[in-house]
Amino acid sequence: MLSKPFSTSFPFVFDFLPNNSSHFITLVYLPLFHYLSLLDEKGAGPIPRQVECYSCMSLSYQTSWKYLQATYIYPKVFTDRCRDPNSERGMPTVMCSSVCVSLMEPDVEAGVFIGFKHIRGCLDRVLRHGFNQSALRTHRFHQNNHCRTLSRSALFNPARTTDPPALGDVQLCSCYGDRCNYSTPMTSLFLVFLIVFIHWVIN
């Protein structure tokens, strides 16, 4: 079901595994991966006519907004609280006729990774020129609550067909329900740590 192998989405997991871990992967990783796929399918039901979604961007986007405003739609607020809006009172929301989404990408300054930055909002009100509809259908963002890490060039529509492709990857998560776009779904993170823990116990 997943469009990217789990090893691609979470490459650091396999740093913990020895080179001869194929038996472990067959016995533990594949069944758990199937379980995650089943969890992804749950919650996919009829889309309400409108849902309430958090609308925010990390503060670093505001600093570079003059370069980004051709790509993104202005959010309700720029704040580092966008990392976890559910833990904060008064985080603004918008009513959406599509689904809620969140985008996450590495925050790098002078070549140093300093964390992640976040964008949250409606599927049809985050990008000025919209998401690539073919990519949304291929990766089933309208059908499941889940996340995918994709290249911007595949996910973002360019302003003009002659524009150069956008660089880098971004993680897009879609979900259904009021204020559901408050964090990355925990099933994937839980699976990561479960795999590492089981491998540690076995060895």
Protein backbone atom coordinates (compact mmCIF):
# COMPACT_ATOMS: atom_id res chain seq x y z
CA MET A 1 0.00 0.00 0.00
CA LEU A 2 2.80 2.43 0.87
CA SER A 3 4.34 4.17 -2.08
CA LYS A 4 7.78 4.50 -0.48
CA PRO A 5 9.48 1.63 1.30
CA PHE A 6 9.63 2.08 5.03
CA SER A 7 13.41 1.99 4.79
CA THR A 8 13.28 5.10 2.61
CA SER A 9 10.99 7.02 4.93
CA PHE A 10 12.97 6.03 8.04
CA PRO A 11 16.51 5.19 6.90
CA PHE A 12 17.94 5.63 10.41
CA VAL A 13 16.12 2.51 11.60
CA PHE A 14 18.37 0.32 9.52
CA ASP A 15 21.51 1.85 11.01
CA PHE A 16 20.68 -0.23 14.08
CA LEU A 17 20.47 -3.47 12.13
CA PRO A 18 23.47 -5.64 11.18
CA ASN A 19 24.21 -6.52 7.58
CA ASN A 20 22.95 -10.07 8.05
CA SER A 21 19.56 -9.05 9.47
CA SER A 22 17.45 -10.44 6.62
CA HIS A 23 16.01 -13.13 8.91
CA PHE A 24 14.98 -10.48 11.44
CA ILE A 25 13.39 -8.36 8.74
CA THR A 26 11.42 -11.32 7.42
CA LEU A 27 10.13 -12.37 10.85
CA VAL A 28 9.52 -8.97 12.44
CA TYR A 29 9.68 -6.06 10.02
CA LEU A 30 7.37 -7.40 7.30
CA PRO A 31 4.50 -8.40 9.64
CA LEU A 32 4.75 -5.04 11.42
CA PHE A 33 4.87 -3.22 8.11
CA HIS A 34 1.68 -5.02 7.07
CA TYR A 35 0.10 -4.02 10.39
CA LEU A 36 0.98 -0.36 9.74
CA SER A 37 -0.61 -0.59 6.32
CA LEU A 38 -3.82 -1.89 7.86
CA LEU A 39 -3.81 0.95 10.39
CA ASP A 40 -3.41 3.43 7.56
CA GLU A 41 -6.57 2.13 5.94
CA LYS A 42 -8.61 2.74 9.09
CA GLY A 43 -10.28 6.06 9.50
CA ALA A 44 -10.81 6.51 5.79
CA GLY A 45 -14.48 7.25 5.55
CA PRO A 46 -16.78 9.79 4.02
CA ILE A 47 -15.33 13.29 4.08
CA PRO A 48 -17.44 15.77 6.10
CA ARG A 49 -18.70 18.77 4.18
CA GLN A 50 -16.33 20.96 6.20
CA VAL A 51 -13.61 20.28 8.73
CA GLU A 52 -11.73 22.60 11.03
CA CYS A 53 -7.96 22.55 10.47
CA TYR A 54 -5.06 24.25 12.21
CA SER A 55 -3.51 27.00 10.06
CA CYS A 56 0.09 27.95 10.88
CA MET A 57 3.69 27.98 9.70
CA SER A 58 6.93 27.79 11.64
CA LEU A 59 8.46 31.19 12.36
CA SER A 60 11.41 30.63 10.01
CA TYR A 61 9.06 30.80 7.02
CA GLN A 62 8.12 34.36 7.93
CA THR A 63 11.77 35.41 7.84
CA SER A 64 12.02 34.27 4.21
CA TRP A 65 8.44 35.11 3.21
CA LYS A 66 9.39 37.47 0.40
CA TYR A 67 10.95 34.46 -1.36
CA LEU A 68 8.22 32.01 -0.39
CA GLN A 69 5.05 34.00 -1.03
CA ALA A 70 4.98 32.93 -4.67
CA THR A 71 4.72 29.30 -3.49
CA TYR A 72 2.70 29.34 -0.26
CA ILE A 73 -0.55 30.94 0.86
CA TYR A 74 -0.27 33.16 3.93
CA PRO A 75 -1.28 31.22 7.07
CA LYS A 76 -3.30 32.46 10.01
CA VAL A 77 -0.12 32.73 12.09
CA PHE A 78 3.65 32.25 11.98
CA THR A 79 4.83 30.62 15.19
CA ASP A 80 7.16 27.92 16.41
CA ARG A 81 4.15 26.58 18.30
CA CYS A 82 3.10 25.19 14.93
CA ARG A 83 5.30 22.21 15.84
CA ASP A 84 2.59 21.00 18.22
CA PRO A 85 -0.50 23.21 17.96
CA ASN A 86 -2.67 20.82 19.96
CA SER A 87 -0.65 21.57 23.09
CA GLU A 88 -1.25 25.31 22.82
CA ARG A 89 -4.41 27.25 23.54
CA GLY A 90 -5.64 29.71 20.98
CA MET A 91 -3.94 28.26 17.92
CA PRO A 92 -5.98 29.58 14.96
CA THR A 93 -7.95 27.30 12.69
CA VAL A 94 -9.73 27.58 9.34
CA MET A 95 -12.75 25.80 7.93
CA CYS A 96 -11.89 23.50 5.03
CA SER A 97 -13.98 21.90 2.34
CA SER A 98 -11.15 19.47 1.54
CA VAL A 99 -9.03 17.66 4.16
CA CYS A 100 -6.50 18.81 6.75
CA VAL A 101 -2.81 18.53 5.93
CA SER A 102 0.55 19.13 7.52
CA LEU A 103 3.94 19.46 5.84
CA MET A 104 7.25 18.88 7.57
CA GLU A 105 10.76 19.46 6.28
CA PRO A 106 14.24 19.73 7.81
CA ASP A 107 15.30 23.13 9.08
CA VAL A 108 18.91 23.63 8.04
CA GLU A 109 21.00 26.74 8.71
CA ALA A 110 24.53 27.08 7.33
CA GLY A 111 24.56 23.36 6.66
CA VAL A 112 23.58 22.47 10.24
CA PHE A 113 20.36 20.57 10.97
CA ILE A 114 18.53 22.37 13.76
CA GLY A 115 15.18 20.58 13.75
CA PHE A 116 12.05 20.48 11.63
CA LYS A 117 9.73 23.21 10.41
CA HIS A 118 6.02 22.79 9.87
CA ILE A 119 3.12 24.00 7.76
CA ARG A 120 -0.48 23.18 8.64
CA GLY A 121 -3.73 23.99 6.88
CA CYS A 122 -6.23 22.82 4.27
CA LEU A 123 -5.19 20.67 1.34
CA ASP A 124 -6.45 23.30 -1.10
CA ARG A 125 -5.22 26.36 0.85
CA VAL A 126 -1.54 25.74 1.52
CA LEU A 127 0.11 26.08 -1.90
CA ARG A 128 -0.60 29.07 -4.11
CA HIS A 129 -0.63 26.88 -7.23
CA GLY A 130 -1.93 23.76 -5.52
CA PHE A 131 -0.69 20.23 -5.13
CA ASN A 132 -0.16 18.00 -8.13
CA GLN A 133 -3.48 16.17 -8.42
CA SER A 134 -1.88 13.16 -10.08
CA ALA A 135 0.47 12.77 -7.09
CA LEU A 136 -2.43 13.13 -4.65
CA ARG A 137 -4.37 10.37 -6.44
CA THR A 138 -1.36 8.09 -6.83
CA HIS A 139 -0.51 8.28 -3.14
CA ARG A 140 -4.17 8.24 -2.06
CA PHE A 141 -4.09 11.35 0.12
CA HIS A 142 -7.86 11.73 -0.36
CA GLN A 143 -8.56 8.20 0.84
CA ASN A 144 -6.42 7.54 3.91
CA ASN A 145 -5.06 9.24 6.99
CA HIS A 146 -1.36 8.91 6.37
CA CYS A 147 1.98 10.51 5.53
CA ARG A 148 4.29 10.30 2.53
CA THR A 149 7.72 11.79 1.93
CA LEU A 150 7.89 13.03 -1.65
CA SER A 151 9.96 15.38 -3.73
CA ARG A 152 8.61 18.89 -4.14
CA SER A 153 8.95 18.55 -7.89
CA ALA A 154 6.44 15.68 -7.82
CA LEU A 155 4.12 17.24 -5.25
CA PHE A 156 4.03 20.98 -5.97
CA ASN A 157 2.51 22.50 -9.09
CA PRO A 158 4.88 25.07 -10.63
CA ALA A 159 3.62 28.59 -11.28
CA ARG A 160 4.56 28.15 -14.94
CA THR A 161 5.51 25.05 -16.88
CA THR A 162 8.80 26.70 -17.77
CA ASP A 163 9.77 27.18 -14.11
CA PRO A 164 12.60 24.96 -12.79
CA PRO A 165 11.42 22.12 -10.52
CA ALA A 166 11.30 22.73 -6.80
CA LEU A 167 14.19 21.18 -4.89
CA GLY A 168 14.25 18.81 -1.93
CA ASP A 169 11.77 16.51 -0.23
CA VAL A 170 8.88 17.26 2.08
CA GLN A 171 6.65 15.04 4.19
CA LEU A 172 2.93 15.53 3.53
CA CYS A 173 0.34 14.13 5.93
CA SER A 174 -3.40 14.15 5.28
CA CYS A 175 -6.16 13.47 7.77
CA TYR A 176 -9.92 13.69 8.29
CA GLY A 177 -11.62 15.36 11.23
CA ASP A 178 -11.58 18.61 13.15
CA ARG A 179 -8.09 19.79 14.12
CA CYS A 180 -6.61 16.43 13.17
CA ASN A 181 -3.50 18.01 11.58
CA TYR A 182 -1.83 18.71 14.92
CA SER A 183 1.05 16.23 14.62
CA THR A 184 2.58 13.42 12.59
CA PRO A 185 0.57 10.19 13.07
CA MET A 186 2.14 8.11 15.80
CA THR A 187 1.70 4.72 14.18
CA SER A 188 4.79 5.13 12.02
CA LEU A 189 6.91 6.42 14.90
CA PHE A 190 5.67 3.66 17.15
CA LEU A 191 6.63 1.09 14.56
CA VAL A 192 10.14 2.52 14.28
CA PHE A 193 10.83 2.21 17.97
CA LEU A 194 9.12 -1.17 18.19
CA ILE A 195 11.38 -2.58 15.48
CA VAL A 196 14.51 -1.25 17.19
CA PHE A 197 13.38 -2.51 20.59
CA ILE A 198 12.54 -6.02 19.38
CA HIS A 199 15.87 -6.28 17.58
CA TRP A 200 17.67 -5.16 20.75
CA VAL A 201 15.84 -7.80 22.83
CA ILE A 202 16.57 -10.58 20.34
CA ASN A 203 20.26 -9.75 20.34
